[in-house]
Amino acid sequence: MQCTKGHVSCSRCCTGYQDDEVECLMCREPEKATRCRAMEHILGGLHVPCPFRQYGCAEMIPYTSELAHKALCVHAPRHCPISGCAGYVGKPLREHVQQDHPGVVRTVVSPRCLRPLRMRAHEQARVVRLSDSDGDGGGGAEFLVVVGQYKELGRALSVVHLVDESVDEQNFRHRIVVVGKAGVLSLSGETLDAERLAEPYEASPFLFVPNETWDSPVDILVFIELK
């Protein structure tokens, strides 16, 4: 942006007043402002190193494309839905769970069947794989049942589809049912597709399970249906 006196500032640094007035960083007073096309052309011709060079990216990218590149760069640090994981670099989420979380229990289920998982209170996640032996669709697809902490009141159960980048997979829906002494809790919804998570994972939607139900010394009946 450029004020009437010729001072230049980026739009994010300008404090807005009215629609066509900003606080110029040099004048420190409301000034009429317009886009500075000359400076935009100069910046558009600049190339800068990828901000993830330390993780292995050697690309020089146009200055104006930095945000888009950061969102797609395969060398960017990624986030993991499993609580306590510090994250990883490069590989897809599915591969990360397989290699870096070998202790996560894996269960095979059939499509469109409500299957009990029988989870333990200490489990933070469960990998669920759709059977590919019956030709009922979705064979080989993998999902992560995430057990997150919901404040101090209970757990938040959600489902993430671990996308295989080499396979053209369909959209999935899920249903989670938890059976406890207080009754039956249930949630149905669309399943999040995730090849890589650029931002910290926030479950939506999720099934809230109170501590009284989850903190059990015996197996917790968690049913899941994928279709």
Protein backbone atom coordinates (compact mmCIF):
# COMPACT_ATOMS: atom_id res chain seq x y z
CA MET A 1 0.00 0.00 0.00
CA GLN A 2 1.10 3.60 -0.62
CA CYS A 3 -0.15 6.74 1.09
CA THR A 4 -0.55 10.12 -0.62
CA LYS A 5 2.94 11.17 0.54
CA GLY A 6 4.58 8.20 -1.18
CA HIS A 7 5.28 6.07 1.91
CA VAL A 8 5.00 2.31 1.26
CA SER A 9 3.81 -0.36 3.70
CA CYS A 10 2.51 -3.89 3.29
CA SER A 11 -1.23 -4.21 3.77
CA ARG A 12 -0.85 -6.38 6.88
CA CYS A 13 1.13 -3.63 8.62
CA CYS A 14 -1.48 -0.96 7.95
CA THR A 15 -4.05 -0.38 10.68
CA GLY A 16 -7.42 0.20 9.04
CA TYR A 17 -9.65 3.16 9.75
CA GLN A 18 -12.22 3.54 7.01
CA ASP A 19 -12.46 1.59 3.77
CA ASP A 20 -10.01 3.85 1.94
CA GLU A 21 -7.93 5.14 4.86
CA VAL A 22 -5.07 3.50 6.79
CA GLU A 23 -2.59 4.57 9.42
CA CYS A 24 0.63 5.11 7.50
CA LEU A 25 3.61 3.67 9.40
CA MET A 26 5.68 6.74 8.45
CA CYS A 27 3.06 9.49 8.85
CA ARG A 28 1.37 7.89 11.88
CA GLU A 29 -1.92 9.48 10.88
CA PRO A 30 -4.94 8.46 8.77
CA GLU A 31 -4.03 8.73 5.11
CA LYS A 32 -5.69 7.89 1.84
CA ALA A 33 -4.01 4.73 0.54
CA THR A 34 -3.83 2.84 -2.75
CA ARG A 35 -2.09 -0.29 -3.92
CA CYS A 36 1.51 0.34 -4.92
CA ARG A 37 1.65 -1.55 -8.20
CA ALA A 38 5.33 -0.75 -8.81
CA MET A 39 6.41 -2.37 -5.53
CA GLU A 40 4.15 -5.37 -6.21
CA HIS A 41 5.93 -5.93 -9.55
CA ILE A 42 9.34 -5.70 -7.85
CA LEU A 43 8.35 -8.26 -5.19
CA GLY A 44 6.79 -10.47 -7.85
CA GLY A 45 10.16 -10.81 -9.54
CA LEU A 46 12.02 -11.87 -6.42
CA HIS A 47 12.82 -15.51 -5.60
CA VAL A 48 13.49 -16.69 -2.06
CA PRO A 49 14.61 -20.03 -0.57
CA CYS A 50 11.93 -22.33 0.78
CA PRO A 51 11.42 -21.74 4.52
CA PHE A 52 11.83 -25.52 4.99
CA ARG A 53 15.34 -25.64 3.52
CA GLN A 54 16.67 -27.07 6.79
CA TYR A 55 14.40 -30.09 6.22
CA GLY A 56 15.69 -30.77 2.70
CA CYS A 57 13.83 -28.50 0.27
CA ALA A 58 16.26 -26.83 -2.15
CA GLU A 59 13.68 -24.90 -4.20
CA MET A 60 13.87 -21.18 -4.87
CA ILE A 61 10.29 -19.92 -5.06
CA PRO A 62 8.67 -16.65 -6.19
CA TYR A 63 8.18 -14.33 -3.24
CA THR A 64 4.48 -13.99 -3.99
CA SER A 65 4.03 -17.80 -4.03
CA GLU A 66 5.62 -18.49 -0.65
CA LEU A 67 2.38 -19.21 1.20
CA ALA A 68 1.12 -21.56 -1.52
CA HIS A 69 4.46 -23.40 -1.60
CA LYS A 70 4.53 -23.81 2.19
CA ALA A 71 1.11 -25.48 2.09
CA LEU A 72 2.25 -28.05 -0.51
CA CYS A 73 5.94 -28.55 0.23
CA VAL A 74 6.67 -32.23 0.93
CA HIS A 75 9.54 -31.22 3.22
CA ALA A 76 7.33 -29.18 5.56
CA PRO A 77 6.98 -30.37 9.16
CA ARG A 78 3.64 -32.15 9.56
CA HIS A 79 1.33 -32.73 12.48
CA CYS A 80 0.06 -36.03 13.83
CA PRO A 81 -3.41 -36.58 15.36
CA ILE A 82 -2.00 -38.91 18.04
CA SER A 83 -1.62 -37.10 21.35
CA GLY A 84 1.97 -36.53 22.45
CA CYS A 85 3.51 -36.96 18.97
CA ALA A 86 5.96 -34.17 18.16
CA GLY A 87 5.26 -34.44 14.44
CA TYR A 88 7.36 -35.56 11.49
CA VAL A 89 8.79 -34.43 8.16
CA GLY A 90 8.24 -35.52 4.58
CA LYS A 91 6.34 -38.79 4.49
CA PRO A 92 2.56 -39.16 4.30
CA LEU A 93 0.57 -39.50 7.52
CA ARG A 94 -0.29 -43.13 6.76
CA GLU A 95 3.39 -44.04 6.47
CA HIS A 96 4.23 -42.05 9.62
CA VAL A 97 1.67 -43.96 11.69
CA GLN A 98 2.96 -47.29 10.37
CA GLN A 99 6.63 -46.53 10.99
CA ASP A 100 6.69 -44.21 14.00
CA HIS A 101 3.75 -45.61 16.00
CA PRO A 102 4.29 -49.39 15.85
CA GLY A 103 2.55 -49.83 19.19
CA VAL A 104 -0.84 -48.71 17.86
CA VAL A 105 -3.17 -51.73 17.66
CA ARG A 106 -4.48 -52.60 14.18
CA THR A 107 -7.93 -54.07 13.52
CA VAL A 108 -9.42 -55.34 10.23
CA VAL A 109 -13.13 -54.73 9.63
CA SER A 110 -15.60 -55.29 6.81
CA PRO A 111 -17.36 -52.37 5.08
CA ARG A 112 -20.85 -51.49 6.33
CA CYS A 113 -20.52 -53.71 9.41
CA LEU A 114 -20.65 -52.38 12.98
CA ARG A 115 -17.55 -53.95 14.49
CA PRO A 116 -16.47 -53.84 18.19
CA LEU A 117 -12.89 -52.65 18.78
CA ARG A 118 -12.69 -53.32 22.55
CA MET A 119 -10.28 -50.54 23.41
CA ARG A 120 -8.33 -49.97 26.60
CA ALA A 121 -8.44 -46.73 28.57
CA HIS A 122 -4.76 -45.96 27.83
CA GLU A 123 -5.16 -46.24 24.04
CA GLN A 124 -4.69 -42.95 22.21
CA ALA A 125 -5.46 -44.33 18.76
CA ARG A 126 -6.45 -47.46 16.84
CA VAL A 127 -5.71 -48.22 13.18
CA VAL A 128 -8.70 -49.76 11.37
CA ARG A 129 -8.25 -51.32 7.94
CA LEU A 130 -11.11 -52.20 5.62
CA SER A 131 -11.00 -55.81 4.44
CA ASP A 132 -10.26 -56.21 0.72
CA SER A 133 -11.15 -59.90 0.56
CA ASP A 134 -14.91 -59.69 -0.01
CA GLY A 135 -15.05 -57.22 -2.89
CA ASP A 136 -17.48 -55.03 -0.94
CA GLY A 137 -15.68 -51.76 -1.71
CA GLY A 138 -13.04 -49.72 0.10
CA GLY A 139 -10.67 -52.64 0.41
CA GLY A 140 -7.29 -51.70 1.84
CA ALA A 141 -8.32 -48.25 3.05
CA GLU A 142 -6.95 -47.38 6.49
CA PHE A 143 -8.41 -45.18 9.19
CA LEU A 144 -7.18 -43.82 12.49
CA VAL A 145 -9.60 -43.76 15.40
CA VAL A 146 -8.20 -40.87 17.46
CA VAL A 147 -8.77 -40.68 21.21
CA GLY A 148 -8.16 -37.06 22.17
CA GLN A 149 -8.50 -35.37 25.53
CA TYR A 150 -11.51 -33.06 25.84
CA LYS A 151 -10.51 -30.53 28.50
CA GLU A 152 -10.60 -32.52 31.77
CA LEU A 153 -14.09 -33.89 31.26
CA GLY A 154 -13.53 -36.86 28.98
CA ARG A 155 -12.35 -38.06 25.59
CA ALA A 156 -13.06 -36.89 22.06
CA LEU A 157 -13.27 -39.79 19.59
CA SER A 158 -12.85 -39.00 15.91
CA VAL A 159 -11.94 -40.81 12.70
CA VAL A 160 -9.28 -39.84 10.12
CA HIS A 161 -8.94 -41.53 6.73
CA LEU A 162 -5.22 -42.18 6.17
CA VAL A 163 -5.05 -41.39 2.48
CA ASP A 164 -2.78 -43.53 0.32
CA GLU A 165 -1.36 -41.10 -2.25
CA SER A 166 -0.87 -43.90 -4.79
CA VAL A 167 -4.51 -45.04 -4.69
CA ASP A 168 -7.60 -43.23 -5.96
CA GLU A 169 -9.88 -43.83 -2.99
CA GLN A 170 -13.47 -42.85 -2.41
CA ASN A 171 -15.06 -40.63 0.20
CA PHE A 172 -16.04 -42.44 3.38
CA ARG A 173 -18.54 -42.02 6.18
CA HIS A 174 -18.25 -43.46 9.67
CA ARG A 175 -20.36 -44.29 12.69
CA ILE A 176 -18.93 -44.62 16.21
CA VAL A 177 -20.88 -46.16 19.06
CA VAL A 178 -19.64 -46.38 22.65
CA VAL A 179 -21.49 -48.57 25.16
CA GLY A 180 -21.14 -47.77 28.86
CA LYS A 181 -22.98 -48.06 32.14
CA ALA A 182 -24.68 -44.71 31.53
CA GLY A 183 -26.05 -45.81 28.16
CA VAL A 184 -25.12 -45.68 24.49
CA LEU A 185 -23.29 -42.79 22.80
CA SER A 186 -23.29 -42.53 19.01
CA LEU A 187 -21.92 -40.29 16.25
CA SER A 188 -22.25 -40.46 12.46
CA GLY A 189 -20.56 -38.19 9.94
CA GLU A 190 -18.18 -37.73 7.04
CA THR A 191 -14.62 -38.91 7.52
CA LEU A 192 -11.72 -36.47 7.24
CA ASP A 193 -9.31 -37.38 4.42
CA ALA A 194 -5.72 -36.67 5.44
CA GLU A 195 -2.59 -37.32 3.43
CA ARG A 196 -0.59 -34.78 5.44
CA LEU A 197 -1.68 -32.37 8.19
CA ALA A 198 -0.19 -28.90 7.80
CA GLU A 199 -1.91 -27.63 10.95
CA PRO A 200 -2.42 -29.14 14.43
CA TYR A 201 -5.26 -31.65 14.36
CA GLU A 202 -8.63 -30.47 15.65
CA ALA A 203 -11.30 -33.15 15.65
CA SER A 204 -14.54 -32.22 13.91
CA PRO A 205 -16.91 -33.88 14.36
CA PHE A 206 -16.11 -35.94 17.44
CA LEU A 207 -17.92 -38.17 19.92
CA PHE A 208 -17.61 -36.96 23.51
CA VAL A 209 -17.16 -39.79 26.03
CA PRO A 210 -17.17 -38.79 29.74
CA ASN A 211 -14.31 -39.89 31.97
CA GLU A 212 -16.73 -42.03 33.96
CA THR A 213 -17.28 -44.15 30.87
CA TRP A 214 -13.78 -44.16 29.42
CA ASP A 215 -11.63 -44.63 32.53
CA SER A 216 -12.55 -48.25 32.98
CA PRO A 217 -10.31 -51.12 34.19
CA VAL A 218 -11.88 -53.40 31.58
CA ASP A 219 -12.22 -53.17 27.80
CA ILE A 220 -14.33 -50.29 26.51
CA LEU A 221 -16.87 -51.30 23.89
CA VAL A 222 -16.22 -48.99 20.96
CA PHE A 223 -18.07 -49.98 17.80
CA ILE A 224 -17.18 -48.58 14.39
CA GLU A 225 -18.83 -48.77 10.99
CA LEU A 226 -17.12 -47.54 7.81
CA LYS A 227 -18.79 -47.15 4.44
